[in-house]
């Protein structure tokens, strides 16, 4: 039995990775910002606070662990929580892991990160990768694209919009591409990486590439709510998104996310490593996808 620490085991990707590790008989602990959330694992996962300001405590919690699986990041800046701060927090976490004697890190990044990117999400992800590579520890860096699953944000909320609005307001021409990957496929690849030794950086994508328009059409068809797609200039569509965000008390989409999508940063030239097709998953979950709005703020800040 290995001792494995997963950041965010009570959240989204971390929950699936944790379940795969438990199924393999491993001992899993979690560092979490939400230690008092309902435990989906029936008490099998001990939780400690992910307190970056107490680095000595992080070292203590990580002591004796063989592997750290890190899913920590922030989607957008909110108050004192920023993507720049998340880079520094990751540096502290990696430093604590090395001090604690952790031998390997599995890190969830994103496709096409770049230190030169003008988008803080992608430059921050690249900075995190550099911290890990420079640490001298054994590592596997996984770069997924858009992750879909029961708790995802984008696919679920496109479905929610299609269920509640007479049309879909598309940003720009809708021809920019994305390559969604199933969360359980990513979790299995992360789990396999725990048992390897080589330093690797892998894109993790699904088998299908869609234009954004085709993605919206597919979701509408599968859930039985096809709607017209109306194309708007990016600025006007973002203004509409901000209005909806005020109505729902969340951030529907950010300017940075739109720029990343339109730049084609959520596709990969590598062969797909995920096997689950979004169309099949939507078919199997057509009655539940988009029934409730998936709030990023509720997930991470409440």
C-alpha atoms as a PDB file:
ATOM      1  CA  UNK A   1       0.000   0.000   0.000  1.00  0.00           C
ATOM      2  CA  UNK A   2       1.282   3.436  -0.969  1.00  0.00           C
ATOM      3  CA  UNK A   3       0.508   6.631   0.907  1.00  0.00           C
ATOM      4  CA  UNK A   4      -0.717   9.244  -1.537  1.00  0.00           C
ATOM      5  CA  UNK A   5      -1.723  12.853  -0.917  1.00  0.00           C
ATOM      6  CA  UNK A   6      -4.301  14.360  -3.287  1.00  0.00           C
ATOM      7  CA  UNK A   7      -5.060  18.075  -3.194  1.00  0.00           C
ATOM      8  CA  UNK A   8      -8.793  18.701  -3.522  1.00  0.00           C
ATOM      9  CA  UNK A   9     -10.090  15.154  -3.058  1.00  0.00           C
ATOM     10  CA  UNK A  10     -13.519  16.535  -2.117  1.00  0.00           C
ATOM     11  CA  UNK A  11     -13.709  18.680  -5.264  1.00  0.00           C
ATOM     12  CA  UNK A  12     -13.854  17.755  -8.969  1.00  0.00           C
ATOM     13  CA  UNK A  13     -10.873  16.092 -10.674  1.00  0.00           C
ATOM     14  CA  UNK A  14      -9.312  15.262  -7.301  1.00  0.00           C
ATOM     15  CA  UNK A  15     -12.407  13.263  -6.319  1.00  0.00           C
ATOM     16  CA  UNK A  16     -12.176  11.016  -9.374  1.00  0.00           C
ATOM     17  CA  UNK A  17      -8.439  10.502  -8.986  1.00  0.00           C
ATOM     18  CA  UNK A  18      -8.942   9.630  -5.321  1.00  0.00           C
ATOM     19  CA  UNK A  19     -11.618   7.073  -6.132  1.00  0.00           C
ATOM     20  CA  UNK A  20      -9.328   5.347  -8.637  1.00  0.00           C
ATOM     21  CA  UNK A  21      -6.535   5.186  -6.072  1.00  0.00           C
ATOM     22  CA  UNK A  22      -8.849   3.816  -3.375  1.00  0.00           C
ATOM     23  CA  UNK A  23     -10.098   1.192  -5.816  1.00  0.00           C
ATOM     24  CA  UNK A  24      -6.473   0.073  -6.200  1.00  0.00           C
ATOM     25  CA  UNK A  25      -6.143  -0.305  -2.453  1.00  0.00           C
ATOM     26  CA  UNK A  26      -3.958   2.733  -1.778  1.00  0.00           C
ATOM     27  CA  UNK A  27      -4.022   4.906   1.322  1.00  0.00           C
ATOM     28  CA  UNK A  28      -5.179   8.381   0.316  1.00  0.00           C
ATOM     29  CA  UNK A  29      -5.129  11.589   2.335  1.00  0.00           C
ATOM     30  CA  UNK A  30      -6.180  14.984   1.099  1.00  0.00           C
ATOM     31  CA  UNK A  31      -5.101  18.568   1.524  1.00  0.00           C
ATOM     32  CA  UNK A  32      -8.224  20.652   0.969  1.00  0.00           C
ATOM     33  CA  UNK A  33      -9.563  24.170   1.298  1.00  0.00           C
ATOM     34  CA  UNK A  34     -12.892  22.610   2.317  1.00  0.00           C
ATOM     35  CA  UNK A  35     -12.144  20.080   5.070  1.00  0.00           C
ATOM     36  CA  UNK A  36     -15.715  20.229   6.385  1.00  0.00           C
ATOM     37  CA  UNK A  37     -17.453  19.342   3.138  1.00  0.00           C
ATOM     38  CA  UNK A  38     -19.386  16.071   2.957  1.00  0.00           C
ATOM     39  CA  UNK A  39     -16.966  13.178   2.561  1.00  0.00           C
ATOM     40  CA  UNK A  40     -17.813  11.174  -0.590  1.00  0.00           C
ATOM     41  CA  UNK A  41     -15.504   8.336   0.494  1.00  0.00           C
ATOM     42  CA  UNK A  42     -17.161   7.183   3.707  1.00  0.00           C
ATOM     43  CA  UNK A  43     -14.324   8.209   6.027  1.00  0.00           C
ATOM     44  CA  UNK A  44     -11.592   6.448   4.046  1.00  0.00           C
ATOM     45  CA  UNK A  45      -9.778   9.711   3.247  1.00  0.00           C
ATOM     46  CA  UNK A  46      -8.316  11.769   6.079  1.00  0.00           C
ATOM     47  CA  UNK A  47      -8.476  15.500   5.394  1.00  0.00           C
ATOM     48  CA  UNK A  48      -6.021  18.246   6.345  1.00  0.00           C
ATOM     49  CA  UNK A  49      -6.247  21.958   5.558  1.00  0.00           C
ATOM     50  CA  UNK A  50      -4.445  23.202   2.471  1.00  0.00           C
ATOM     51  CA  UNK A  51      -2.975  26.182   4.317  1.00  0.00           C
ATOM     52  CA  UNK A  52      -0.231  27.722   2.213  1.00  0.00           C
ATOM     53  CA  UNK A  53       0.617  30.264   4.910  1.00  0.00           C
ATOM     54  CA  UNK A  54       1.707  27.470   7.275  1.00  0.00           C
ATOM     55  CA  UNK A  55       4.408  25.747   5.293  1.00  0.00           C
ATOM     56  CA  UNK A  56       5.656  23.782   8.299  1.00  0.00           C
ATOM     57  CA  UNK A  57       2.178  22.321   8.712  1.00  0.00           C
ATOM     58  CA  UNK A  58       2.161  21.348   5.033  1.00  0.00           C
ATOM     59  CA  UNK A  59       5.458  19.530   5.557  1.00  0.00           C
ATOM     60  CA  UNK A  60       3.974  17.675   8.531  1.00  0.00           C
ATOM     61  CA  UNK A  61       0.876  16.639   6.581  1.00  0.00           C
ATOM     62  CA  UNK A  62       2.979  15.470   3.621  1.00  0.00           C
ATOM     63  CA  UNK A  63       5.461  13.524   5.745  1.00  0.00           C
ATOM     64  CA  UNK A  64       5.604   9.846   4.871  1.00  0.00           C
ATOM     65  CA  UNK A  65       3.742  10.223   1.579  1.00  0.00           C
ATOM     66  CA  UNK A  66       5.109   8.483  -1.494  1.00  0.00           C
ATOM     67  CA  UNK A  67       3.333  10.629  -4.080  1.00  0.00           C
ATOM     68  CA  UNK A  68       1.592  14.016  -4.226  1.00  0.00           C
ATOM     69  CA  UNK A  69      -1.184  14.408  -6.795  1.00  0.00           C
ATOM     70  CA  UNK A  70      -1.771  18.121  -7.239  1.00  0.00           C
ATOM     71  CA  UNK A  71      -5.005  19.435  -8.762  1.00  0.00           C
ATOM     72  CA  UNK A  72      -4.819  22.881  -7.110  1.00  0.00           C
ATOM     73  CA  UNK A  73      -5.417  25.989  -9.206  1.00  0.00           C
ATOM     74  CA  UNK A  74      -7.853  28.928  -9.387  1.00  0.00           C
ATOM     75  CA  UNK A  75      -9.966  29.552 -12.463  1.00  0.00           C
ATOM     76  CA  UNK A  76     -10.142  33.343 -12.094  1.00  0.00           C
ATOM     77  CA  UNK A  77      -9.092  36.088  -9.708  1.00  0.00           C
ATOM     78  CA  UNK A  78     -11.557  36.844  -6.924  1.00  0.00           C
ATOM     79  CA  UNK A  79     -10.698  39.186  -4.070  1.00  0.00           C
ATOM     80  CA  UNK A  80      -7.351  38.182  -2.600  1.00  0.00           C
ATOM     81  CA  UNK A  81      -7.405  34.828  -4.425  1.00  0.00           C
ATOM     82  CA  UNK A  82      -5.475  35.315  -7.667  1.00  0.00           C
ATOM     83  CA  UNK A  83      -3.790  33.221 -10.318  1.00  0.00           C
ATOM     84  CA  UNK A  84      -0.481  34.932  -9.514  1.00  0.00           C
ATOM     85  CA  UNK A  85      -0.985  33.945  -5.885  1.00  0.00           C
ATOM     86  CA  UNK A  86      -1.770  30.386  -6.990  1.00  0.00           C
ATOM     87  CA  UNK A  87       1.668  30.180  -8.603  1.00  0.00           C
ATOM     88  CA  UNK A  88       3.319  31.189  -5.331  1.00  0.00           C
ATOM     89  CA  UNK A  89       1.097  28.750  -3.431  1.00  0.00           C
ATOM     90  CA  UNK A  90       2.145  25.946  -5.759  1.00  0.00           C
ATOM     91  CA  UNK A  91       5.784  26.848  -5.164  1.00  0.00           C
ATOM     92  CA  UNK A  92       5.213  26.538  -1.415  1.00  0.00           C
ATOM     93  CA  UNK A  93       3.425  23.224  -1.826  1.00  0.00           C
ATOM     94  CA  UNK A  94       6.193  21.733  -3.962  1.00  0.00           C
ATOM     95  CA  UNK A  95       8.837  23.007  -1.567  1.00  0.00           C
ATOM     96  CA  UNK A  96       6.967  21.427   1.351  1.00  0.00           C
ATOM     97  CA  UNK A  97       6.618  18.138  -0.528  1.00  0.00           C
ATOM     98  CA  UNK A  98      10.337  18.020  -1.219  1.00  0.00           C
ATOM     99  CA  UNK A  99      11.127  18.825   2.420  1.00  0.00           C
ATOM    100  CA  UNK A 100       8.739  16.071   3.535  1.00  0.00           C
ATOM    101  CA  UNK A 101      10.509  13.476   1.378  1.00  0.00           C
ATOM    102  CA  UNK A 102       7.734  12.959  -1.175  1.00  0.00           C
ATOM    103  CA  UNK A 103       9.380  11.146  -4.082  1.00  0.00           C
ATOM    104  CA  UNK A 104       7.019  11.963  -6.986  1.00  0.00           C
ATOM    105  CA  UNK A 105       4.499  14.598  -8.051  1.00  0.00           C
ATOM    106  CA  UNK A 106       1.584  14.103 -10.445  1.00  0.00           C
ATOM    107  CA  UNK A 107       0.485  17.586 -11.483  1.00  0.00           C
ATOM    108  CA  UNK A 108      -2.642  18.588 -13.419  1.00  0.00           C
ATOM    109  CA  UNK A 109      -1.864  21.461 -15.795  1.00  0.00           C
ATOM    110  CA  UNK A 110      -3.485  22.481 -19.104  1.00  0.00           C
ATOM    111  CA  UNK A 111      -2.713  22.175 -22.798  1.00  0.00           C
ATOM    112  CA  UNK A 112      -0.484  24.786 -24.413  1.00  0.00           C
ATOM    113  CA  UNK A 113       0.846  26.600 -21.329  1.00  0.00           C
ATOM    114  CA  UNK A 114       3.481  29.226 -22.035  1.00  0.00           C
ATOM    115  CA  UNK A 115       5.539  31.556 -19.888  1.00  0.00           C
ATOM    116  CA  UNK A 116       5.254  34.096 -22.714  1.00  0.00           C
ATOM    117  CA  UNK A 117       1.451  33.952 -22.871  1.00  0.00           C
ATOM    118  CA  UNK A 118      -0.407  37.204 -22.225  1.00  0.00           C
ATOM    119  CA  UNK A 119      -3.139  35.112 -20.570  1.00  0.00           C
ATOM    120  CA  UNK A 120      -2.410  34.686 -16.835  1.00  0.00           C
ATOM    121  CA  UNK A 121      -4.147  31.301 -16.779  1.00  0.00           C
ATOM    122  CA  UNK A 122      -1.747  29.819 -19.338  1.00  0.00           C
ATOM    123  CA  UNK A 123       1.374  31.668 -18.178  1.00  0.00           C
ATOM    124  CA  UNK A 124       0.572  30.710 -14.579  1.00  0.00           C
ATOM    125  CA  UNK A 125       0.174  27.059 -15.507  1.00  0.00           C
ATOM    126  CA  UNK A 126       3.538  27.213 -17.288  1.00  0.00           C
ATOM    127  CA  UNK A 127       5.145  28.800 -14.228  1.00  0.00           C
ATOM    128  CA  UNK A 128       3.764  25.974 -12.069  1.00  0.00           C
ATOM    129  CA  UNK A 129       5.220  23.397 -14.424  1.00  0.00           C
ATOM    130  CA  UNK A 130       8.631  25.077 -14.197  1.00  0.00           C
ATOM    131  CA  UNK A 131       8.482  24.952 -10.394  1.00  0.00           C
ATOM    132  CA  UNK A 132       7.881  21.205 -10.563  1.00  0.00           C
ATOM    133  CA  UNK A 133      10.519  20.481 -13.202  1.00  0.00           C
ATOM    134  CA  UNK A 134      13.094  22.578 -11.323  1.00  0.00           C
ATOM    135  CA  UNK A 135      12.321  20.870  -8.007  1.00  0.00           C
ATOM    136  CA  UNK A 136      14.485  17.872  -8.807  1.00  0.00           C
ATOM    137  CA  UNK A 137      11.666  15.500  -7.813  1.00  0.00           C
ATOM    138  CA  UNK A 138      10.255  12.780 -10.042  1.00  0.00           C
ATOM    139  CA  UNK A 139       7.231  14.170 -11.884  1.00  0.00           C
ATOM    140  CA  UNK A 140       4.428  13.544 -14.328  1.00  0.00           C
ATOM    141  CA  UNK A 141       2.699  16.654 -15.658  1.00  0.00           C
ATOM    142  CA  UNK A 142      -0.672  16.016 -17.286  1.00  0.00           C
ATOM    143  CA  UNK A 143      -2.111  18.645 -19.613  1.00  0.00           C
ATOM    144  CA  UNK A 144      -5.861  18.151 -20.106  1.00  0.00           C
ATOM    145  CA  UNK A 145      -8.057  20.323 -22.267  1.00  0.00           C
ATOM    146  CA  UNK A 146     -11.666  20.994 -21.307  1.00  0.00           C
ATOM    147  CA  UNK A 147     -12.643  18.352 -18.734  1.00  0.00           C
ATOM    148  CA  UNK A 148     -16.221  17.097 -18.826  1.00  0.00           C
ATOM    149  CA  UNK A 149     -18.138  15.044 -16.280  1.00  0.00           C
ATOM    150  CA  UNK A 150     -21.007  15.287 -13.816  1.00  0.00           C
ATOM    151  CA  UNK A 151     -19.496  18.268 -11.980  1.00  0.00           C
ATOM    152  CA  UNK A 152     -17.965  20.149 -14.906  1.00  0.00           C
ATOM    153  CA  UNK A 153     -18.692  23.800 -15.472  1.00  0.00           C
ATOM    154  CA  UNK A 154     -18.679  24.557 -19.209  1.00  0.00           C
ATOM    155  CA  UNK A 155     -20.566  21.598 -20.690  1.00  0.00           C
ATOM    156  CA  UNK A 156     -23.130  21.587 -17.874  1.00  0.00           C
ATOM    157  CA  UNK A 157     -23.768  25.301 -18.156  1.00  0.00           C
ATOM    158  CA  UNK A 158     -24.080  25.249 -21.941  1.00  0.00           C
ATOM    159  CA  UNK A 159     -26.782  22.627 -21.374  1.00  0.00           C
ATOM    160  CA  UNK A 160     -28.356  24.799 -18.666  1.00  0.00           C
ATOM    161  CA  UNK A 161     -28.478  27.788 -21.042  1.00  0.00           C
ATOM    162  CA  UNK A 162     -30.030  25.645 -23.783  1.00  0.00           C
ATOM    163  CA  UNK A 163     -32.689  24.448 -21.333  1.00  0.00           C
ATOM    164  CA  UNK A 164     -33.581  27.967 -20.157  1.00  0.00           C
ATOM    165  CA  UNK A 165     -33.020  30.428 -23.028  1.00  0.00           C
ATOM    166  CA  UNK A 166     -34.634  30.679 -26.488  1.00  0.00           C
ATOM    167  CA  UNK A 167     -31.269  30.874 -28.276  1.00  0.00           C
ATOM    168  CA  UNK A 168     -27.574  30.465 -27.600  1.00  0.00           C
ATOM    169  CA  UNK A 169     -25.523  33.652 -27.808  1.00  0.00           C
ATOM    170  CA  UNK A 170     -22.273  32.568 -29.410  1.00  0.00           C
ATOM    171  CA  UNK A 171     -19.020  34.455 -29.005  1.00  0.00           C
ATOM    172  CA  UNK A 172     -17.625  35.355 -32.413  1.00  0.00           C
ATOM    173  CA  UNK A 173     -17.952  32.950 -35.320  1.00  0.00           C
ATOM    174  CA  UNK A 174     -18.023  29.823 -33.139  1.00  0.00           C
ATOM    175  CA  UNK A 175     -15.516  28.016 -35.371  1.00  0.00           C
ATOM    176  CA  UNK A 176     -12.690  27.877 -32.826  1.00  0.00           C
ATOM    177  CA  UNK A 177     -11.882  24.350 -31.714  1.00  0.00           C
ATOM    178  CA  UNK A 178     -11.824  22.430 -28.443  1.00  0.00           C
ATOM    179  CA  UNK A 179     -11.119  18.793 -27.583  1.00  0.00           C
ATOM    180  CA  UNK A 180     -12.952  17.741 -24.406  1.00  0.00           C
ATOM    181  CA  UNK A 181     -11.677  14.886 -22.238  1.00  0.00           C
ATOM    182  CA  UNK A 182     -13.702  12.817 -19.769  1.00  0.00           C
ATOM    183  CA  UNK A 183     -12.768  13.363 -16.128  1.00  0.00           C
ATOM    184  CA  UNK A 184     -12.652   9.627 -15.438  1.00  0.00           C
ATOM    185  CA  UNK A 185     -10.200   9.083 -18.314  1.00  0.00           C
ATOM    186  CA  UNK A 186      -7.951  11.798 -16.889  1.00  0.00           C
ATOM    187  CA  UNK A 187      -8.239  10.240 -13.429  1.00  0.00           C
ATOM    188  CA  UNK A 188      -7.184   6.811 -14.687  1.00  0.00           C
ATOM    189  CA  UNK A 189      -4.152   8.252 -16.490  1.00  0.00           C
ATOM    190  CA  UNK A 190      -3.185  10.189 -13.360  1.00  0.00           C
ATOM    191  CA  UNK A 191      -3.559   7.021 -11.301  1.00  0.00           C
ATOM    192  CA  UNK A 192      -1.361   5.021 -13.675  1.00  0.00           C
ATOM    193  CA  UNK A 193       1.268   7.756 -13.498  1.00  0.00           C
ATOM    194  CA  UNK A 194       1.576   7.249  -9.744  1.00  0.00           C
ATOM    195  CA  UNK A 195       3.290   3.913 -10.329  1.00  0.00           C
ATOM    196  CA  UNK A 196       5.781   5.111 -12.930  1.00  0.00           C
ATOM    197  CA  UNK A 197       9.217   6.640 -12.453  1.00  0.00           C
ATOM    198  CA  UNK A 198       9.964   8.589 -15.627  1.00  0.00           C
ATOM    199  CA  UNK A 199       9.689  12.355 -15.833  1.00  0.00           C
ATOM    200  CA  UNK A 200       7.024  13.009 -18.459  1.00  0.00           C
ATOM    201  CA  UNK A 201       4.749  15.771 -19.704  1.00  0.00           C
ATOM    202  CA  UNK A 202       1.634  14.473 -21.472  1.00  0.00           C
ATOM    203  CA  UNK A 203      -1.307  16.119 -23.191  1.00  0.00           C
ATOM    204  CA  UNK A 204      -4.518  14.383 -22.104  1.00  0.00           C
ATOM    205  CA  UNK A 205      -7.321  14.883 -24.605  1.00  0.00           C
ATOM    206  CA  UNK A 206     -10.460  13.147 -25.774  1.00  0.00           C
ATOM    207  CA  UNK A 207     -10.990  11.430 -29.123  1.00  0.00           C
ATOM    208  CA  UNK A 208     -13.062  14.184 -30.787  1.00  0.00           C
ATOM    209  CA  UNK A 209     -12.409  17.793 -31.790  1.00  0.00           C
ATOM    210  CA  UNK A 210     -15.391  20.126 -32.141  1.00  0.00           C
ATOM    211  CA  UNK A 211     -15.927  23.665 -33.239  1.00  0.00           C
ATOM    212  CA  UNK A 212     -17.719  25.555 -30.479  1.00  0.00           C
ATOM    213  CA  UNK A 213     -20.808  25.787 -32.686  1.00  0.00           C
ATOM    214  CA  UNK A 214     -20.774  22.018 -33.233  1.00  0.00           C
ATOM    215  CA  UNK A 215     -20.315  21.455 -29.506  1.00  0.00           C
ATOM    216  CA  UNK A 216     -23.400  23.550 -28.713  1.00  0.00           C
ATOM    217  CA  UNK A 217     -25.414  21.744 -31.391  1.00  0.00           C
ATOM    218  CA  UNK A 218     -24.331  18.349 -30.053  1.00  0.00           C
ATOM    219  CA  UNK A 219     -25.322  19.237 -26.483  1.00  0.00           C
ATOM    220  CA  UNK A 220     -28.673  20.631 -27.607  1.00  0.00           C
ATOM    221  CA  UNK A 221     -29.421  17.555 -29.690  1.00  0.00           C
ATOM    222  CA  UNK A 222     -28.475  15.074 -26.962  1.00  0.00           C
ATOM    223  CA  UNK A 223     -30.483  16.746 -24.184  1.00  0.00           C
ATOM    224  CA  UNK A 224     -33.489  17.343 -26.451  1.00  0.00           C
ATOM    225  CA  UNK A 225     -33.185  21.146 -26.398  1.00  0.00           C
ATOM    226  CA  UNK A 226     -31.759  22.273 -29.736  1.00  0.00           C
ATOM    227  CA  UNK A 227     -31.759  26.054 -29.981  1.00  0.00           C
ATOM    228  CA  UNK A 228     -30.708  28.555 -32.642  1.00  0.00           C
ATOM    229  CA  UNK A 229     -27.132  29.815 -32.343  1.00  0.00           C
ATOM    230  CA  UNK A 230     -26.843  33.568 -32.792  1.00  0.00           C
ATOM    231  CA  UNK A 231     -23.350  34.927 -33.340  1.00  0.00           C
ATOM    232  CA  UNK A 232     -22.283  38.157 -31.658  1.00  0.00           C
ATOM    233  CA  UNK A 233     -19.041  40.110 -31.611  1.00  0.00           C
ATOM    234  CA  UNK A 234     -16.891  38.977 -28.697  1.00  0.00           C
ATOM    235  CA  UNK A 235     -17.315  42.187 -26.717  1.00  0.00           C
ATOM    236  CA  UNK A 236     -21.097  42.124 -27.001  1.00  0.00           C
ATOM    237  CA  UNK A 237     -21.264  38.434 -26.086  1.00  0.00           C
ATOM    238  CA  UNK A 238     -19.034  39.043 -23.055  1.00  0.00           C
ATOM    239  CA  UNK A 239     -21.328  41.879 -22.001  1.00  0.00           C
ATOM    240  CA  UNK A 240     -24.284  39.498 -22.187  1.00  0.00           C
ATOM    241  CA  UNK A 241     -22.312  36.906 -20.198  1.00  0.00           C
ATOM    242  CA  UNK A 242     -21.612  39.498 -17.494  1.00  0.00           C
ATOM    243  CA  UNK A 243     -25.311  40.316 -17.297  1.00  0.00           C
ATOM    244  CA  UNK A 244     -26.210  36.634 -16.868  1.00  0.00           C
ATOM    245  CA  UNK A 245     -23.409  36.339 -14.300  1.00  0.00           C
ATOM    246  CA  UNK A 246     -25.037  39.058 -12.207  1.00  0.00           C
ATOM    247  CA  UNK A 247     -28.362  37.230 -12.426  1.00  0.00           C
ATOM    248  CA  UNK A 248     -26.919  33.867 -11.330  1.00  0.00           C
ATOM    249  CA  UNK A 249     -24.336  35.207  -8.857  1.00  0.00           C
ATOM    250  CA  UNK A 250     -21.390  33.563 -10.583  1.00  0.00           C
ATOM    251  CA  UNK A 251     -18.809  34.114 -13.330  1.00  0.00           C
ATOM    252  CA  UNK A 252     -20.208  32.472 -16.461  1.00  0.00           C
ATOM    253  CA  UNK A 253     -17.064  32.925 -18.562  1.00  0.00           C
ATOM    254  CA  UNK A 254     -14.089  35.260 -18.436  1.00  0.00           C
ATOM    255  CA  UNK A 255     -12.465  37.342 -21.147  1.00  0.00           C
ATOM    256  CA  UNK A 256      -9.307  35.311 -20.666  1.00  0.00           C
ATOM    257  CA  UNK A 257     -11.174  32.040 -21.215  1.00  0.00           C
ATOM    258  CA  UNK A 258     -12.724  33.415 -24.386  1.00  0.00           C
ATOM    259  CA  UNK A 259      -9.306  34.461 -25.674  1.00  0.00           C
ATOM    260  CA  UNK A 260      -7.889  31.037 -24.880  1.00  0.00           C
ATOM    261  CA  UNK A 261     -10.743  29.323 -26.713  1.00  0.00           C
ATOM    262  CA  UNK A 262     -10.504  31.569 -29.751  1.00  0.00           C
ATOM    263  CA  UNK A 263      -6.727  31.038 -29.879  1.00  0.00           C
ATOM    264  CA  UNK A 264      -7.233  27.272 -30.135  1.00  0.00           C
ATOM    265  CA  UNK A 265      -5.430  26.519 -26.875  1.00  0.00           C
ATOM    266  CA  UNK A 266      -7.831  23.723 -25.862  1.00  0.00           C
ATOM    267  CA  UNK A 267      -6.786  21.302 -28.587  1.00  0.00           C
ATOM    268  CA  UNK A 268      -3.653  19.211 -28.944  1.00  0.00           C
ATOM    269  CA  UNK A 269      -1.617  17.812 -31.838  1.00  0.00           C
ATOM    270  CA  UNK A 270      -0.804  14.729 -29.735  1.00  0.00           C
ATOM    271  CA  UNK A 271      -2.792  11.505 -30.172  1.00  0.00           C
ATOM    272  CA  UNK A 272      -5.773  11.420 -27.784  1.00  0.00           C
ATOM    273  CA  UNK A 273      -5.216   9.523 -24.541  1.00  0.00           C
ATOM    274  CA  UNK A 274      -8.837   9.603 -23.417  1.00  0.00           C
ATOM    275  CA  UNK A 275     -11.273   7.173 -25.013  1.00  0.00           C
ATOM    276  CA  UNK A 276     -14.705   8.348 -23.822  1.00  0.00           C
ATOM    277  CA  UNK A 277     -16.664  10.269 -26.430  1.00  0.00           C
ATOM    278  CA  UNK A 278     -18.582  13.309 -25.273  1.00  0.00           C
ATOM    279  CA  UNK A 279     -21.508  12.308 -27.483  1.00  0.00           C
ATOM    280  CA  UNK A 280     -21.803   8.937 -25.731  1.00  0.00           C
ATOM    281  CA  UNK A 281     -21.559  10.512 -22.278  1.00  0.00           C
ATOM    282  CA  UNK A 282     -24.215  13.095 -23.145  1.00  0.00           C
ATOM    283  CA  UNK A 283     -26.492  10.356 -24.416  1.00  0.00           C
ATOM    284  CA  UNK A 284     -26.094   8.412 -21.167  1.00  0.00           C
ATOM    285  CA  UNK A 285     -26.675  11.515 -19.014  1.00  0.00           C
ATOM    286  CA  UNK A 286     -29.183  13.406 -21.156  1.00  0.00           C
ATOM    287  CA  UNK A 287     -31.801  13.632 -18.392  1.00  0.00           C
ATOM    288  CA  UNK A 288     -29.484  15.249 -15.824  1.00  0.00           C
ATOM    289  CA  UNK A 289     -26.966  17.414 -17.714  1.00  0.00           C
ATOM    290  CA  UNK A 290     -27.777  21.081 -17.268  1.00  0.00           C
ATOM    291  CA  UNK A 291     -30.718  20.588 -14.928  1.00  0.00           C
ATOM    292  CA  UNK A 292     -28.954  22.741 -12.342  1.00  0.00           C
ATOM    293  CA  UNK A 293     -26.572  25.612 -12.882  1.00  0.00           C
ATOM    294  CA  UNK A 294     -22.992  24.662 -11.909  1.00  0.00           C
ATOM    295  CA  UNK A 295     -21.571  27.555  -9.884  1.00  0.00           C
ATOM    296  CA  UNK A 296     -17.815  28.026  -9.722  1.00  0.00           C
ATOM    297  CA  UNK A 297     -18.161  30.471  -6.843  1.00  0.00           C
ATOM    298  CA  UNK A 298     -20.335  28.077  -4.836  1.00  0.00           C
ATOM    299  CA  UNK A 299     -17.847  25.272  -5.439  1.00  0.00           C
ATOM    300  CA  UNK A 300     -14.747  27.123  -4.326  1.00  0.00           C
ATOM    301  CA  UNK A 301     -15.781  30.104  -2.216  1.00  0.00           C
ATOM    302  CA  UNK A 302     -18.756  28.952  -0.121  1.00  0.00           C
END
